[in-house]
Amino acid sequence: MTGTVACPCVLQVEMSMRASMSILQGSFDPIMDANNNMDLLPLIIQAKAYREWDFSNMLTVLLRFNGRAVAAAVVRVFGSQLAELPLVATRPDARRLGHARVLVRAVEATLIELGVQVRLLWLN
């Protein structure tokens, strides 16, 4: 037998990353690199480095409600001293139901459990 078969967990991660991308791109304007006219959001969500940009300390979090992706957030962790939540978004048809609040509280509780002392949560 030739070829490879991805395990179900890899497929689930890929589906979750696509859902997070869809939610965040649907809620925010592109985050453009002015030098090469490239949207940085895919790099942020995938925690990748590219040229002078390094998003390797970014984590993407997805909230599902009744099996459906409803909210996503990006968390940047700087060791045990500092973390920020620069992007939080909810699907338009799932807004005003408390999903972002649940997601932010879960992220904050996780950061506390991990021993992060200072938490910056940017919310508008």
PDB file of N, CA and C in Angstrom:
ATOM      1  N   MET A   1       0.856  -1.175   0.000  1.00  0.00           N
ATOM      2  CA  MET A   1       0.000   0.000   0.000  1.00  0.00           C
ATOM      3  C   MET A   1       0.895   1.229   0.000  1.00  0.00           C
ATOM      4  N   THR A   2       0.595   2.197  -0.836  1.00  0.00           N
ATOM      5  CA  THR A   2       1.372   3.429  -0.898  1.00  0.00           C
ATOM      6  C   THR A   2       0.508   4.596  -0.475  1.00  0.00           C
ATOM      7  N   GLY A   3       1.173   5.696  -0.204  1.00  0.00           N
ATOM      8  CA  GLY A   3       0.449   6.895   0.220  1.00  0.00           C
ATOM      9  C   GLY A   3       0.369   6.969   1.728  1.00  0.00           C
ATOM     10  N   THR A   4      -0.218   8.052   2.200  1.00  0.00           N
ATOM     11  CA  THR A   4      -0.357   8.234   3.640  1.00  0.00           C
ATOM     12  C   THR A   4      -1.809   8.520   3.963  1.00  0.00           C
ATOM     13  N   VAL A   5      -2.182   8.150   5.151  1.00  0.00           N
ATOM     14  CA  VAL A   5      -3.525   8.414   5.644  1.00  0.00           C
ATOM     15  C   VAL A   5      -3.370   9.241   6.913  1.00  0.00           C
ATOM     16  N   ALA A   6      -3.984  10.402   6.944  1.00  0.00           N
ATOM     17  CA  ALA A   6      -3.904  11.264   8.124  1.00  0.00           C
ATOM     18  C   ALA A   6      -4.784  10.696   9.226  1.00  0.00           C
ATOM     19  N   CYS A   7      -4.293  10.755  10.440  1.00  0.00           N
ATOM     20  CA  CYS A   7      -5.099  10.268  11.558  1.00  0.00           C
ATOM     21  C   CYS A   7      -6.266  11.235  11.778  1.00  0.00           C
ATOM     22  N   PRO A   8      -7.339  10.751  12.361  1.00  0.00           N
ATOM     23  CA  PRO A   8      -8.518  11.615  12.570  1.00  0.00           C
ATOM     24  C   PRO A   8      -8.207  12.881  13.360  1.00  0.00           C
ATOM     25  N   CYS A   9      -7.247  12.820  14.301  1.00  0.00           N
ATOM     26  CA  CYS A   9      -6.937  14.013  15.094  1.00  0.00           C
ATOM     27  C   CYS A   9      -6.304  15.098  14.225  1.00  0.00           C
ATOM     28  N   VAL A  10      -5.490  14.724  13.245  1.00  0.00           N
ATOM     29  CA  VAL A  10      -4.889  15.706  12.342  1.00  0.00           C
ATOM     30  C   VAL A  10      -5.974  16.357  11.495  1.00  0.00           C
ATOM     31  N   LEU A  11      -6.898  15.561  11.010  1.00  0.00           N
ATOM     32  CA  LEU A  11      -8.000  16.114  10.210  1.00  0.00           C
ATOM     33  C   LEU A  11      -8.848  17.061  11.046  1.00  0.00           C
ATOM     34  N   GLN A  12      -9.076  16.712  12.305  1.00  0.00           N
ATOM     35  CA  GLN A  12      -9.863  17.577  13.190  1.00  0.00           C
ATOM     36  C   GLN A  12      -9.146  18.902  13.421  1.00  0.00           C
ATOM     37  N   VAL A  13      -7.830  18.853  13.613  1.00  0.00           N
ATOM     38  CA  VAL A  13      -7.058  20.085  13.804  1.00  0.00           C
ATOM     39  C   VAL A  13      -7.152  20.952  12.556  1.00  0.00           C
ATOM     40  N   GLU A  14      -6.992  20.356  11.385  1.00  0.00           N
ATOM     41  CA  GLU A  14      -7.085  21.122  10.136  1.00  0.00           C
ATOM     42  C   GLU A  14      -8.463  21.751   9.979  1.00  0.00           C
ATOM     43  N   MET A  15      -9.517  21.006  10.293  1.00  0.00           N
ATOM     44  CA  MET A  15     -10.875  21.556  10.198  1.00  0.00           C
ATOM     45  C   MET A  15     -11.065  22.696  11.198  1.00  0.00           C
ATOM     46  N   SER A  16     -10.515  22.544  12.385  1.00  0.00           N
ATOM     47  CA  SER A  16     -10.628  23.591  13.405  1.00  0.00           C
ATOM     48  C   SER A  16      -9.855  24.841  13.002  1.00  0.00           C
ATOM     49  N   MET A  17      -8.685  24.660  12.397  1.00  0.00           N
ATOM     50  CA  MET A  17      -7.906  25.809  11.930  1.00  0.00           C
ATOM     51  C   MET A  17      -8.664  26.552  10.830  1.00  0.00           C
ATOM     52  N   ARG A  18      -9.281  25.810   9.912  1.00  0.00           N
ATOM     53  CA  ARG A  18     -10.070  26.454   8.850  1.00  0.00           C
ATOM     54  C   ARG A  18     -11.266  27.200   9.434  1.00  0.00           C
ATOM     55  N   ALA A  19     -11.927  26.602  10.423  1.00  0.00           N
ATOM     56  CA  ALA A  19     -13.072  27.267  11.062  1.00  0.00           C
ATOM     57  C   ALA A  19     -12.616  28.535  11.777  1.00  0.00           C
ATOM     58  N   SER A  20     -11.476  28.466  12.475  1.00  0.00           N
ATOM     59  CA  SER A  20     -10.944  29.650  13.159  1.00  0.00           C
ATOM     60  C   SER A  20     -10.618  30.742  12.153  1.00  0.00           C
ATOM     61  N   MET A  21      -9.989  30.360  11.054  1.00  0.00           N
ATOM     62  CA  MET A  21      -9.642  31.324  10.000  1.00  0.00           C
ATOM     63  C   MET A  21     -10.897  31.992   9.457  1.00  0.00           C
ATOM     64  N   SER A  22     -11.910  31.214   9.198  1.00  0.00           N
ATOM     65  CA  SER A  22     -13.157  31.760   8.651  1.00  0.00           C
ATOM     66  C   SER A  22     -13.786  32.763   9.616  1.00  0.00           C
ATOM     67  N   ILE A  23     -13.843  32.413  10.881  1.00  0.00           N
ATOM     68  CA  ILE A  23     -14.447  33.302  11.884  1.00  0.00           C
ATOM     69  C   ILE A  23     -13.645  34.594  12.008  1.00  0.00           C
ATOM     70  N   LEU A  24     -12.331  34.480  12.114  1.00  0.00           N
ATOM     71  CA  LEU A  24     -11.495  35.668  12.299  1.00  0.00           C
ATOM     72  C   LEU A  24     -11.452  36.535  11.047  1.00  0.00           C
ATOM     73  N   GLN A  25     -11.334  35.923   9.856  1.00  0.00           N
ATOM     74  CA  GLN A  25     -11.332  36.713   8.623  1.00  0.00           C
ATOM     75  C   GLN A  25     -12.684  37.372   8.387  1.00  0.00           C
ATOM     76  N   GLY A  26     -13.754  36.744   8.846  1.00  0.00           N
ATOM     77  CA  GLY A  26     -15.071  37.331   8.692  1.00  0.00           C
ATOM     78  C   GLY A  26     -15.331  38.497   9.626  1.00  0.00           C
ATOM     79  N   SER A  27     -14.485  38.638  10.638  1.00  0.00           N
ATOM     80  CA  SER A  27     -14.696  39.679  11.643  1.00  0.00           C
ATOM     81  C   SER A  27     -13.682  40.812  11.608  1.00  0.00           C
ATOM     82  N   PHE A  28     -12.529  40.574  10.987  1.00  0.00           N
ATOM     83  CA  PHE A  28     -11.471  41.583  10.973  1.00  0.00           C
ATOM     84  C   PHE A  28     -11.021  41.866   9.547  1.00  0.00           C
ATOM     85  N   ASP A  29     -10.604  43.103   9.322  1.00  0.00           N
ATOM     86  CA  ASP A  29      -9.947  43.435   8.063  1.00  0.00           C
ATOM     87  C   ASP A  29      -8.633  42.667   8.002  1.00  0.00           C
ATOM     88  N   PRO A  30      -8.116  42.458   6.810  1.00  0.00           N
ATOM     89  CA  PRO A  30      -6.817  41.783   6.710  1.00  0.00           C
ATOM     90  C   PRO A  30      -5.741  42.544   7.481  1.00  0.00           C
ATOM     91  N   ILE A  31      -4.829  41.795   8.085  1.00  0.00           N
ATOM     92  CA  ILE A  31      -3.684  42.375   8.788  1.00  0.00           C
ATOM     93  C   ILE A  31      -2.534  42.314   7.799  1.00  0.00           C
ATOM     94  N   MET A  32      -2.328  43.417   7.103  1.00  0.00           N
ATOM     95  CA  MET A  32      -1.436  43.413   5.948  1.00  0.00           C
ATOM     96  C   MET A  32       0.009  43.759   6.308  1.00  0.00           C
ATOM     97  N   ASP A  33       0.928  43.058   5.651  1.00  0.00           N
ATOM     98  CA  ASP A  33       2.343  43.421   5.656  1.00  0.00           C
ATOM     99  C   ASP A  33       2.507  44.414   4.518  1.00  0.00           C
ATOM    100  N   ALA A  34       2.814  45.642   4.845  1.00  0.00           N
ATOM    101  CA  ALA A  34       2.890  46.703   3.831  1.00  0.00           C
ATOM    102  C   ALA A  34       4.003  46.469   2.812  1.00  0.00           C
ATOM    103  N   ASN A  35       5.040  45.736   3.191  1.00  0.00           N
ATOM    104  CA  ASN A  35       6.168  45.525   2.281  1.00  0.00           C
ATOM    105  C   ASN A  35       5.835  44.597   1.115  1.00  0.00           C
ATOM    106  N   ASN A  36       5.025  43.578   1.370  1.00  0.00           N
ATOM    107  CA  ASN A  36       4.742  42.626   0.287  1.00  0.00           C
ATOM    108  C   ASN A  36       3.249  42.396   0.060  1.00  0.00           C
ATOM    109  N   ASN A  37       2.415  43.239   0.657  1.00  0.00           N
ATOM    110  CA  ASN A  37       0.971  43.180   0.454  1.00  0.00           C
ATOM    111  C   ASN A  37       0.396  41.790   0.772  1.00  0.00           C
ATOM    112  N   MET A  38       0.871  41.199   1.874  1.00  0.00           N
ATOM    113  CA  MET A  38       0.444  39.868   2.277  1.00  0.00           C
ATOM    114  C   MET A  38      -0.370  39.952   3.561  1.00  0.00           C
ATOM    115  N   ASP A  39      -1.470  39.191   3.617  1.00  0.00           N
ATOM    116  CA  ASP A  39      -2.286  39.117   4.826  1.00  0.00           C
ATOM    117  C   ASP A  39      -1.559  38.234   5.836  1.00  0.00           C
ATOM    118  N   LEU A  40      -1.301  38.767   7.027  1.00  0.00           N
ATOM    119  CA  LEU A  40      -0.564  38.043   8.057  1.00  0.00           C
ATOM    120  C   LEU A  40      -1.444  37.127   8.895  1.00  0.00           C
ATOM    121  N   LEU A  41      -2.767  37.267   8.801  1.00  0.00           N
ATOM    122  CA  LEU A  41      -3.652  36.467   9.650  1.00  0.00           C
ATOM    123  C   LEU A  41      -3.431  34.960   9.501  1.00  0.00           C
ATOM    124  N   PRO A  42      -3.280  34.423   8.297  1.00  0.00           N
ATOM    125  CA  PRO A  42      -3.005  32.983   8.212  1.00  0.00           C
ATOM    126  C   PRO A  42      -1.730  32.572   8.954  1.00  0.00           C
ATOM    127  N   LEU A  43      -0.696  33.397   8.917  1.00  0.00           N
ATOM    128  CA  LEU A  43       0.531  33.093   9.648  1.00  0.00           C
ATOM    129  C   LEU A  43       0.312  33.155  11.153  1.00  0.00           C
ATOM    130  N   ILE A  44      -0.497  34.116  11.584  1.00  0.00           N
ATOM    131  CA  ILE A  44      -0.810  34.253  13.007  1.00  0.00           C
ATOM    132  C   ILE A  44      -1.552  33.016  13.491  1.00  0.00           C
ATOM    133  N   ILE A  45      -2.571  32.609  12.770  1.00  0.00           N
ATOM    134  CA  ILE A  45      -3.387  31.465  13.174  1.00  0.00           C
ATOM    135  C   ILE A  45      -2.569  30.178  13.179  1.00  0.00           C
ATOM    136  N   GLN A  46      -1.650  30.046  12.237  1.00  0.00           N
ATOM    137  CA  GLN A  46      -0.832  28.836  12.155  1.00  0.00           C
ATOM    138  C   GLN A  46       0.436  28.925  12.999  1.00  0.00           C
ATOM    139  N   ALA A  47       0.645  30.046  13.695  1.00  0.00           N
ATOM    140  CA  ALA A  47       1.812  30.250  14.569  1.00  0.00           C
ATOM    141  C   ALA A  47       3.121  30.039  13.810  1.00  0.00           C
ATOM    142  N   LYS A  48       3.218  30.682  12.660  1.00  0.00           N
ATOM    143  CA  LYS A  48       4.405  30.529  11.816  1.00  0.00           C
ATOM    144  C   LYS A  48       5.240  31.803  11.802  1.00  0.00           C
ATOM    145  N   ALA A  49       6.485  31.635  11.415  1.00  0.00           N
ATOM    146  CA  ALA A  49       7.383  32.769  11.213  1.00  0.00           C
ATOM    147  C   ALA A  49       7.554  32.968   9.710  1.00  0.00           C
ATOM    148  N   TYR A  50       7.681  34.228   9.309  1.00  0.00           N
ATOM    149  CA  TYR A  50       7.884  34.561   7.904  1.00  0.00           C
ATOM    150  C   TYR A  50       8.649  35.875   7.840  1.00  0.00           C
ATOM    151  N   ARG A  51       9.819  35.830   7.242  1.00  0.00           N
ATOM    152  CA  ARG A  51      10.694  37.003   7.158  1.00  0.00           C
ATOM    153  C   ARG A  51      10.865  37.625   8.531  1.00  0.00           C
ATOM    154  N   GLU A  52      10.522  38.903   8.689  1.00  0.00           N
ATOM    155  CA  GLU A  52      10.730  39.555   9.983  1.00  0.00           C
ATOM    156  C   GLU A  52       9.605  39.280  10.985  1.00  0.00           C
ATOM    157  N   TRP A  53       8.563  38.594  10.562  1.00  0.00           N
ATOM    158  CA  TRP A  53       7.430  38.319  11.434  1.00  0.00           C
ATOM    159  C   TRP A  53       7.610  36.961  12.101  1.00  0.00           C
ATOM    160  N   ASP A  54       7.405  36.914  13.411  1.00  0.00           N
ATOM    161  CA  ASP A  54       7.491  35.651  14.144  1.00  0.00           C
ATOM    162  C   ASP A  54       6.259  35.510  15.032  1.00  0.00           C
ATOM    163  N   PHE A  55       5.374  34.632  14.623  1.00  0.00           N
ATOM    164  CA  PHE A  55       4.137  34.404  15.374  1.00  0.00           C
ATOM    165  C   PHE A  55       4.162  33.050  16.076  1.00  0.00           C
ATOM    166  N   SER A  56       5.358  32.516  16.310  1.00  0.00           N
ATOM    167  CA  SER A  56       5.472  31.172  16.872  1.00  0.00           C
ATOM    168  C   SER A  56       4.953  31.075  18.309  1.00  0.00           C
ATOM    169  N   ASN A  57       4.778  32.192  18.982  1.00  0.00           N
ATOM    170  CA  ASN A  57       4.232  32.155  20.341  1.00  0.00           C
ATOM    171  C   ASN A  57       2.729  32.441  20.367  1.00  0.00           C
ATOM    172  N   MET A  58       2.082  32.318  19.220  1.00  0.00           N
ATOM    173  CA  MET A  58       0.634  32.529  19.139  1.00  0.00           C
ATOM    174  C   MET A  58      -0.097  31.182  19.241  1.00  0.00           C
ATOM    175  N   LEU A  59      -1.216  31.204  19.894  1.00  0.00           N
ATOM    176  CA  LEU A  59      -2.084  30.027  19.999  1.00  0.00           C
ATOM    177  C   LEU A  59      -3.465  30.427  19.487  1.00  0.00           C
ATOM    178  N   THR A  60      -4.082  29.560  18.739  1.00  0.00           N
ATOM    179  CA  THR A  60      -5.439  29.803  18.249  1.00  0.00           C
ATOM    180  C   THR A  60      -6.390  28.900  19.021  1.00  0.00           C
ATOM    181  N   VAL A  61      -7.469  29.498  19.505  1.00  0.00           N
ATOM    182  CA  VAL A  61      -8.448  28.782  20.318  1.00  0.00           C
ATOM    183  C   VAL A  61      -9.797  28.868  19.613  1.00  0.00           C
ATOM    184  N   LEU A  62     -10.490  27.748  19.555  1.00  0.00           N
ATOM    185  CA  LEU A  62     -11.793  27.689  18.905  1.00  0.00           C
ATOM    186  C   LEU A  62     -12.830  27.197  19.902  1.00  0.00           C
ATOM    187  N   LEU A  63     -13.959  27.883  19.946  1.00  0.00           N
ATOM    188  CA  LEU A  63     -15.077  27.461  20.799  1.00  0.00           C
ATOM    189  C   LEU A  63     -16.161  26.855  19.927  1.00  0.00           C
ATOM    190  N   ARG A  64     -16.583  25.671  20.288  1.00  0.00           N
ATOM    191  CA  ARG A  64     -17.705  25.021  19.605  1.00  0.00           C
ATOM    192  C   ARG A  64     -18.898  24.980  20.553  1.00  0.00           C
ATOM    193  N   PHE A  65     -20.070  25.182  19.993  1.00  0.00           N
ATOM    194  CA  PHE A  65     -21.311  25.099  20.755  1.00  0.00           C
ATOM    195  C   PHE A  65     -22.231  24.164  19.984  1.00  0.00           C
ATOM    196  N   ASN A  66     -22.648  23.103  20.629  1.00  0.00           N
ATOM    197  CA  ASN A  66     -23.453  22.063  19.971  1.00  0.00           C
ATOM    198  C   ASN A  66     -22.775  21.558  18.696  1.00  0.00           C
ATOM    199  N   GLY A  67     -21.463  21.403  18.760  1.00  0.00           N
ATOM    200  CA  GLY A  67     -20.695  20.867  17.645  1.00  0.00           C
ATOM    201  C   GLY A  67     -20.349  21.860  16.548  1.00  0.00           C
ATOM    202  N   ARG A  68     -20.796  23.074  16.673  1.00  0.00           N
ATOM    203  CA  ARG A  68     -20.592  24.099  15.646  1.00  0.00           C
ATOM    204  C   ARG A  68     -19.582  25.132  16.121  1.00  0.00           C
ATOM    205  N   ALA A  69     -18.620  25.478  15.267  1.00  0.00           N
ATOM    206  CA  ALA A  69     -17.636  26.505  15.605  1.00  0.00           C
ATOM    207  C   ALA A  69     -18.336  27.855  15.673  1.00  0.00           C
ATOM    208  N   VAL A  70     -18.251  28.514  16.830  1.00  0.00           N
ATOM    209  CA  VAL A  70     -18.968  29.787  16.998  1.00  0.00           C
ATOM    210  C   VAL A  70     -18.062  30.972  17.333  1.00  0.00           C
ATOM    211  N   ALA A  71     -16.894  30.710  17.914  1.00  0.00           N
ATOM    212  CA  ALA A  71     -16.006  31.811  18.287  1.00  0.00           C
ATOM    213  C   ALA A  71     -14.557  31.340  18.209  1.00  0.00           C
ATOM    214  N   ALA A  72     -13.666  32.294  17.958  1.00  0.00           N
ATOM    215  CA  ALA A  72     -12.240  31.990  17.880  1.00  0.00           C
ATOM    216  C   ALA A  72     -11.452  33.130  18.506  1.00  0.00           C
ATOM    217  N   ALA A  73     -10.270  32.790  18.990  1.00  0.00           N
ATOM    218  CA  ALA A  73      -9.393  33.794  19.590  1.00  0.00           C
ATOM    219  C   ALA A  73      -7.950  33.433  19.297  1.00  0.00           C
ATOM    220  N   VAL A  74      -7.114  34.459  19.327  1.00  0.00           N
ATOM    221  CA  VAL A  74      -5.673  34.270  19.219  1.00  0.00           C
ATOM    222  C   VAL A  74      -5.062  34.759  20.519  1.00  0.00           C
ATOM    223  N   VAL A  75      -4.211  33.920  21.095  1.00  0.00           N
ATOM    224  CA  VAL A  75      -3.547  34.227  22.353  1.00  0.00           C
ATOM    225  C   VAL A  75      -2.049  34.256  22.079  1.00  0.00           C
ATOM    226  N   ARG A  76      -1.386  35.267  22.595  1.00  0.00           N
ATOM    227  CA  ARG A  76       0.077  35.325  22.499  1.00  0.00           C
ATOM    228  C   ARG A  76       0.620  35.229  23.919  1.00  0.00           C
ATOM    229  N   VAL A  77       1.474  34.251  24.151  1.00  0.00           N
ATOM    230  CA  VAL A  77       2.032  34.015  25.477  1.00  0.00           C
ATOM    231  C   VAL A  77       3.513  34.354  25.461  1.00  0.00           C
ATOM    232  N   PHE A  78       3.928  35.157  26.436  1.00  0.00           N
ATOM    233  CA  PHE A  78       5.324  35.543  26.609  1.00  0.00           C
ATOM    234  C   PHE A  78       5.831  34.931  27.916  1.00  0.00           C
ATOM    235  N   GLY A  79       5.976  33.638  27.962  1.00  0.00           N
ATOM    236  CA  GLY A  79       6.441  32.966  29.175  1.00  0.00           C
ATOM    237  C   GLY A  79       5.414  33.031  30.277  1.00  0.00           C
ATOM    238  N   SER A  80       5.892  32.980  31.510  1.00  0.00           N
ATOM    239  CA  SER A  80       4.968  32.967  32.647  1.00  0.00           C
ATOM    240  C   SER A  80       4.623  34.360  33.142  1.00  0.00           C
ATOM    241  N   GLN A  81       5.155  35.396  32.508  1.00  0.00           N
ATOM    242  CA  GLN A  81       4.938  36.754  32.982  1.00  0.00           C
ATOM    243  C   GLN A  81       3.827  37.508  32.267  1.00  0.00           C
ATOM    244  N   LEU A  82       3.558  37.146  31.023  1.00  0.00           N
ATOM    245  CA  LEU A  82       2.669  37.993  30.235  1.00  0.00           C
ATOM    246  C   LEU A  82       1.956  37.194  29.146  1.00  0.00           C
ATOM    247  N   ALA A  83       0.708  37.529  28.931  1.00  0.00           N
ATOM    248  CA  ALA A  83      -0.059  36.974  27.815  1.00  0.00           C
ATOM    249  C   ALA A  83      -1.038  38.041  27.356  1.00  0.00           C
ATOM    250  N   GLU A  84      -1.352  37.994  26.077  1.00  0.00           N
ATOM    251  CA  GLU A  84      -2.345  38.929  25.546  1.00  0.00           C
ATOM    252  C   GLU A  84      -3.321  38.181  24.656  1.00  0.00           C
ATOM    253  N   LEU A  85      -4.473  38.758  24.495  1.00  0.00           N
ATOM    254  CA  LEU A  85      -5.536  38.205  23.663  1.00  0.00           C
ATOM    255  C   LEU A  85      -5.872  39.262  22.613  1.00  0.00           C
ATOM    256  N   PRO A  86      -5.077  39.343  21.536  1.00  0.00           N
ATOM    257  CA  PRO A  86      -5.259  40.436  20.584  1.00  0.00           C
ATOM    258  C   PRO A  86      -6.465  40.278  19.657  1.00  0.00           C
ATOM    259  N   LEU A  87      -6.921  39.053  19.426  1.00  0.00           N
ATOM    260  CA  LEU A  87      -8.038  38.844  18.498  1.00  0.00           C
ATOM    261  C   LEU A  87      -9.064  37.897  19.111  1.00  0.00           C
ATOM    262  N   VAL A  88     -10.306  38.345  19.154  1.00  0.00           N
ATOM    263  CA  VAL A  88     -11.432  37.507  19.581  1.00  0.00           C
ATOM    264  C   VAL A  88     -12.580  37.821  18.628  1.00  0.00           C
ATOM    265  N   ALA A  89     -13.213  36.798  18.107  1.00  0.00           N
ATOM    266  CA  ALA A  89     -14.318  37.022  17.171  1.00  0.00           C
ATOM    267  C   ALA A  89     -15.370  35.934  17.328  1.00  0.00           C
ATOM    268  N   THR A  90     -16.593  36.310  17.014  1.00  0.00           N
ATOM    269  CA  THR A  90     -17.730  35.382  17.032  1.00  0.00           C
ATOM    270  C   THR A  90     -18.399  35.423  15.674  1.00  0.00           C
ATOM    271  N   ARG A  91     -18.864  34.274  15.222  1.00  0.00           N
ATOM    272  CA  ARG A  91     -19.608  34.228  13.958  1.00  0.00           C
ATOM    273  C   ARG A  91     -20.787  35.208  14.038  1.00  0.00           C
ATOM    274  N   PRO A  92     -21.075  35.917  12.966  1.00  0.00           N
ATOM    275  CA  PRO A  92     -22.166  36.904  13.016  1.00  0.00           C
ATOM    276  C   PRO A  92     -23.509  36.324  13.481  1.00  0.00           C
ATOM    277  N   ASP A  93     -23.818  35.113  13.069  1.00  0.00           N
ATOM    278  CA  ASP A  93     -25.107  34.532  13.445  1.00  0.00           C
ATOM    279  C   ASP A  93     -25.102  33.915  14.854  1.00  0.00           C
ATOM    280  N   ALA A  94     -23.963  34.020  15.558  1.00  0.00           N
ATOM    281  CA  ALA A  94     -23.878  33.485  16.916  1.00  0.00           C
ATOM    282  C   ALA A  94     -23.540  34.575  17.927  1.00  0.00           C
ATOM    283  N   ARG A  95     -23.626  35.823  17.510  1.00  0.00           N
ATOM    284  CA  ARG A  95     -23.282  36.933  18.401  1.00  0.00           C
ATOM    285  C   ARG A  95     -24.394  37.217  19.400  1.00  0.00           C
ATOM    286  N   ARG A  96     -23.986  37.885  20.478  1.00  0.00           N
ATOM    287  CA  ARG A  96     -24.882  38.321  21.550  1.00  0.00           C
ATOM    288  C   ARG A  96     -25.485  37.142  22.320  1.00  0.00           C
ATOM    289  N   LEU A  97     -24.782  36.015  22.301  1.00  0.00           N
ATOM    290  CA  LEU A  97     -25.226  34.831  23.039  1.00  0.00           C
ATOM    291  C   LEU A  97     -24.226  34.434  24.138  1.00  0.00           C
ATOM    292  N   GLY A  98     -23.185  35.247  24.324  1.00  0.00           N
ATOM    293  CA  GLY A  98     -22.218  34.998  25.382  1.00  0.00           C
ATOM    294  C   GLY A  98     -21.063  34.089  25.008  1.00  0.00           C
ATOM    295  N   HIS A  99     -20.941  33.726  23.729  1.00  0.00           N
ATOM    296  CA  HIS A  99     -19.871  32.811  23.329  1.00  0.00           C
ATOM    297  C   HIS A  99     -18.485  33.417  23.533  1.00  0.00           C
ATOM    298  N   ALA A 100     -18.284  34.668  23.158  1.00  0.00           N
ATOM    299  CA  ALA A 100     -16.975  35.306  23.346  1.00  0.00           C
ATOM    300  C   ALA A 100     -16.630  35.390  24.828  1.00  0.00           C
ATOM    301  N   ARG A 101     -17.598  35.668  25.660  1.00  0.00           N
ATOM    302  CA  ARG A 101     -17.377  35.736  27.105  1.00  0.00           C
ATOM    303  C   ARG A 101     -16.903  34.377  27.628  1.00  0.00           C
ATOM    304  N   VAL A 102     -17.550  33.307  27.182  1.00  0.00           N
ATOM    305  CA  VAL A 102     -17.154  31.958  27.600  1.00  0.00           C
ATOM    306  C   VAL A 102     -15.733  31.659  27.135  1.00  0.00           C
ATOM    307  N   LEU A 103     -15.432  32.015  25.902  1.00  0.00           N
ATOM    308  CA  LEU A 103     -14.104  31.760  25.351  1.00  0.00           C
ATOM    309  C   LEU A 103     -13.025  32.541  26.110  1.00  0.00           C
ATOM    310  N   VAL A 104     -13.263  33.818  26.357  1.00  0.00           N
ATOM    311  CA  VAL A 104     -12.289  34.644  27.079  1.00  0.00           C
ATOM    312  C   VAL A 104     -12.093  34.123  28.503  1.00  0.00           C
ATOM    313  N   ARG A 105     -13.151  33.741  29.165  1.00  0.00           N
ATOM    314  CA  ARG A 105     -13.023  33.210  30.529  1.00  0.00           C
ATOM    315  C   ARG A 105     -12.250  31.887  30.539  1.00  0.00           C
ATOM    316  N   ALA A 106     -12.475  31.052  29.537  1.00  0.00           N
ATOM    317  CA  ALA A 106     -11.737  29.784  29.449  1.00  0.00           C
ATOM    318  C   ALA A 106     -10.251  30.032  29.205  1.00  0.00           C
ATOM    319  N   VAL A 107      -9.940  30.976  28.338  1.00  0.00           N
ATOM    320  CA  VAL A 107      -8.537  31.316  28.076  1.00  0.00           C
ATOM    321  C   VAL A 107      -7.904  31.870  29.345  1.00  0.00           C
ATOM    322  N   GLU A 108      -8.596  32.779  30.011  1.00  0.00           N
ATOM    323  CA  GLU A 108      -8.058  33.355  31.241  1.00  0.00           C
ATOM    324  C   GLU A 108      -7.838  32.285  32.303  1.00  0.00           C
ATOM    325  N   ALA A 109      -8.787  31.374  32.471  1.00  0.00           N
ATOM    326  CA  ALA A 109      -8.640  30.300  33.462  1.00  0.00           C
ATOM    327  C   ALA A 109      -7.455  29.403  33.127  1.00  0.00           C
ATOM    328  N   THR A 110      -7.259  29.131  31.859  1.00  0.00           N
ATOM    329  CA  THR A 110      -6.115  28.310  31.431  1.00  0.00           C
ATOM    330  C   THR A 110      -4.802  29.017  31.710  1.00  0.00           C
ATOM    331  N   LEU A 111      -4.751  30.314  31.419  1.00  0.00           N
ATOM    332  CA  LEU A 111      -3.535  31.079  31.697  1.00  0.00           C
ATOM    333  C   LEU A 111      -3.217  31.088  33.193  1.00  0.00           C
ATOM    334  N   ILE A 112      -4.230  31.263  34.002  1.00  0.00           N
ATOM    335  CA  ILE A 112      -4.035  31.239  35.456  1.00  0.00           C
ATOM    336  C   ILE A 112      -3.516  29.871  35.890  1.00  0.00           C
ATOM    337  N   GLU A 113      -4.130  28.812  35.363  1.00  0.00           N
ATOM    338  CA  GLU A 113      -3.709  27.447  35.696  1.00  0.00           C
ATOM    339  C   GLU A 113      -2.260  27.187  35.281  1.00  0.00           C
ATOM    340  N   LEU A 114      -1.839  27.798  34.176  1.00  0.00           N
ATOM    341  CA  LEU A 114      -0.469  27.636  33.696  1.00  0.00           C
ATOM    342  C   LEU A 114       0.522  28.536  34.434  1.00  0.00           C
ATOM    343  N   GLY A 115       0.010  29.401  35.309  1.00  0.00           N
ATOM    344  CA  GLY A 115       0.882  30.243  36.113  1.00  0.00           C
ATOM    345  C   GLY A 115       1.255  31.568  35.483  1.00  0.00           C
ATOM    346  N   VAL A 116       0.555  31.978  34.447  1.00  0.00           N
ATOM    347  CA  VAL A 116       0.832  33.276  33.835  1.00  0.00           C
ATOM    348  C   VAL A 116       0.332  34.349  34.792  1.00  0.00           C
ATOM    349  N   GLN A 117       1.237  35.241  35.193  1.00  0.00           N
ATOM    350  CA  GLN A 117       0.918  36.214  36.234  1.00  0.00           C
ATOM    351  C   GLN A 117       0.168  37.431  35.721  1.00  0.00           C
ATOM    352  N   VAL A 118       0.554  37.953  34.573  1.00  0.00           N
ATOM    353  CA  VAL A 118      -0.086  39.142  34.018  1.00  0.00           C
ATOM    354  C   VAL A 118      -0.827  38.728  32.764  1.00  0.00           C
ATOM    355  N   ARG A 119      -2.083  39.114  32.691  1.00  0.00           N
ATOM    356  CA  ARG A 119      -2.889  38.759  31.526  1.00  0.00           C
ATOM    357  C   ARG A 119      -3.447  40.035  30.936  1.00  0.00           C
ATOM    358  N   LEU A 120      -3.206  40.260  29.673  1.00  0.00           N
ATOM    359  CA  LEU A 120      -3.764  41.417  28.977  1.00  0.00           C
ATOM    360  C   LEU A 120      -4.860  40.922  28.058  1.00  0.00           C
ATOM    361  N   LEU A 121      -6.059  41.330  28.316  1.00  0.00           N
ATOM    362  CA  LEU A 121      -7.181  40.918  27.492  1.00  0.00           C
ATOM    363  C   LEU A 121      -7.728  42.155  26.786  1.00  0.00           C
ATOM    364  N   TRP A 122      -7.555  42.215  25.470  1.00  0.00           N
ATOM    365  CA  TRP A 122      -7.983  43.377  24.705  1.00  0.00           C
ATOM    366  C   TRP A 122      -9.383  43.138  24.172  1.00  0.00           C
ATOM    367  N   LEU A 123     -10.329  43.865  24.684  1.00  0.00           N
ATOM    368  CA  LEU A 123     -11.707  43.717  24.242  1.00  0.00           C
ATOM    369  C   LEU A 123     -12.287  45.089  23.924  1.00  0.00           C
ATOM    370  N   ASN A 124     -13.018  45.166  22.839  1.00  0.00           N
ATOM    371  CA  ASN A 124     -13.728  46.400  22.500  1.00  0.00           C
ATOM    372  C   ASN A 124     -15.208  46.182  22.724  1.00  0.00           C
TER     373      ASN A 124
END
